[in-house]
Amino acid sequence: MASDGALDLGDGTIDTLTDIGRTYRRAPSTAAFLETVRLRAAEHAEDDVTVTVLARDAD
């Protein structure tokens, strides 16, 4: 889940959310994904960005 501020992490279109999903799938861990989002937000976001990750372990 992400707030509308997450659109500021890209070009502002729904494609940004697709890119965020790809970023999550490529990240080695949830912590690494959140750090990537944090860095993007610090660089690009004009609004606040809220991201919630619900994940299940593969075990």
Protein backbone atom coordinates (compact mmCIF):
# COMPACT_ATOMS: atom_id res chain seq x y z
CA MET A 1 0.00 0.00 0.00
CA ALA A 2 1.19 3.49 -0.70
CA SER A 3 -0.15 7.01 -0.37
CA ASP A 4 -0.74 9.25 -3.36
CA GLY A 5 2.59 10.85 -2.52
CA ALA A 6 4.20 7.68 -3.90
CA LEU A 7 3.36 8.98 -7.37
CA ASP A 8 6.00 11.66 -6.77
CA LEU A 9 8.62 8.91 -6.84
CA GLY A 10 8.25 8.71 -10.61
CA ASP A 11 6.45 10.48 -13.41
CA GLY A 12 3.19 10.83 -11.47
CA THR A 13 1.30 8.19 -13.47
CA ILE A 14 0.10 4.71 -12.57
CA ASP A 15 3.32 3.45 -14.18
CA THR A 16 5.10 4.76 -11.10
CA LEU A 17 3.23 2.24 -8.95
CA THR A 18 4.22 -0.53 -11.35
CA ASP A 19 7.84 0.59 -11.04
CA ILE A 20 7.58 0.57 -7.23
CA GLY A 21 6.30 -3.01 -7.42
CA ARG A 22 9.24 -4.00 -9.64
CA THR A 23 11.61 -2.33 -7.21
CA TYR A 24 10.13 -4.36 -4.36
CA ARG A 25 10.45 -7.65 -6.26
CA ARG A 26 14.09 -6.91 -7.12
CA ALA A 27 15.08 -5.84 -3.60
CA PRO A 28 17.02 -8.39 -1.55
CA SER A 29 14.93 -7.56 1.54
CA THR A 30 12.04 -5.43 2.71
CA ALA A 31 14.50 -3.17 4.53
CA ALA A 32 16.47 -2.63 1.30
CA PHE A 33 13.25 -1.80 -0.57
CA LEU A 34 12.19 0.73 2.05
CA GLU A 35 15.63 2.34 1.98
CA THR A 36 15.36 2.68 -1.80
CA VAL A 37 11.94 4.31 -1.43
CA ARG A 38 13.25 6.61 1.30
CA LEU A 39 16.14 7.75 -0.90
CA ARG A 40 13.84 8.32 -3.88
CA ALA A 41 11.43 10.31 -1.72
CA ALA A 42 14.24 12.49 -0.37
CA GLU A 43 15.35 13.19 -3.94
CA HIS A 44 12.03 13.53 -5.82
CA ALA A 45 8.93 13.73 -3.63
CA GLU A 46 7.15 17.04 -3.25
CA ASP A 47 4.53 15.44 -0.97
CA ASP A 48 4.85 13.06 1.94
CA VAL A 49 5.15 9.40 0.96
CA THR A 50 3.69 6.60 3.06
CA VAL A 51 4.46 2.99 2.15
CA THR A 52 3.26 -0.07 4.03
CA VAL A 53 4.70 -3.47 3.16
CA LEU A 54 2.76 -6.62 3.95
CA ALA A 55 4.95 -9.60 3.15
CA ARG A 56 4.91 -13.30 3.82
CA ASP A 57 8.09 -15.32 4.34
CA ALA A 58 8.70 -18.02 1.77
CA ASP A 59 8.92 -20.64 4.56
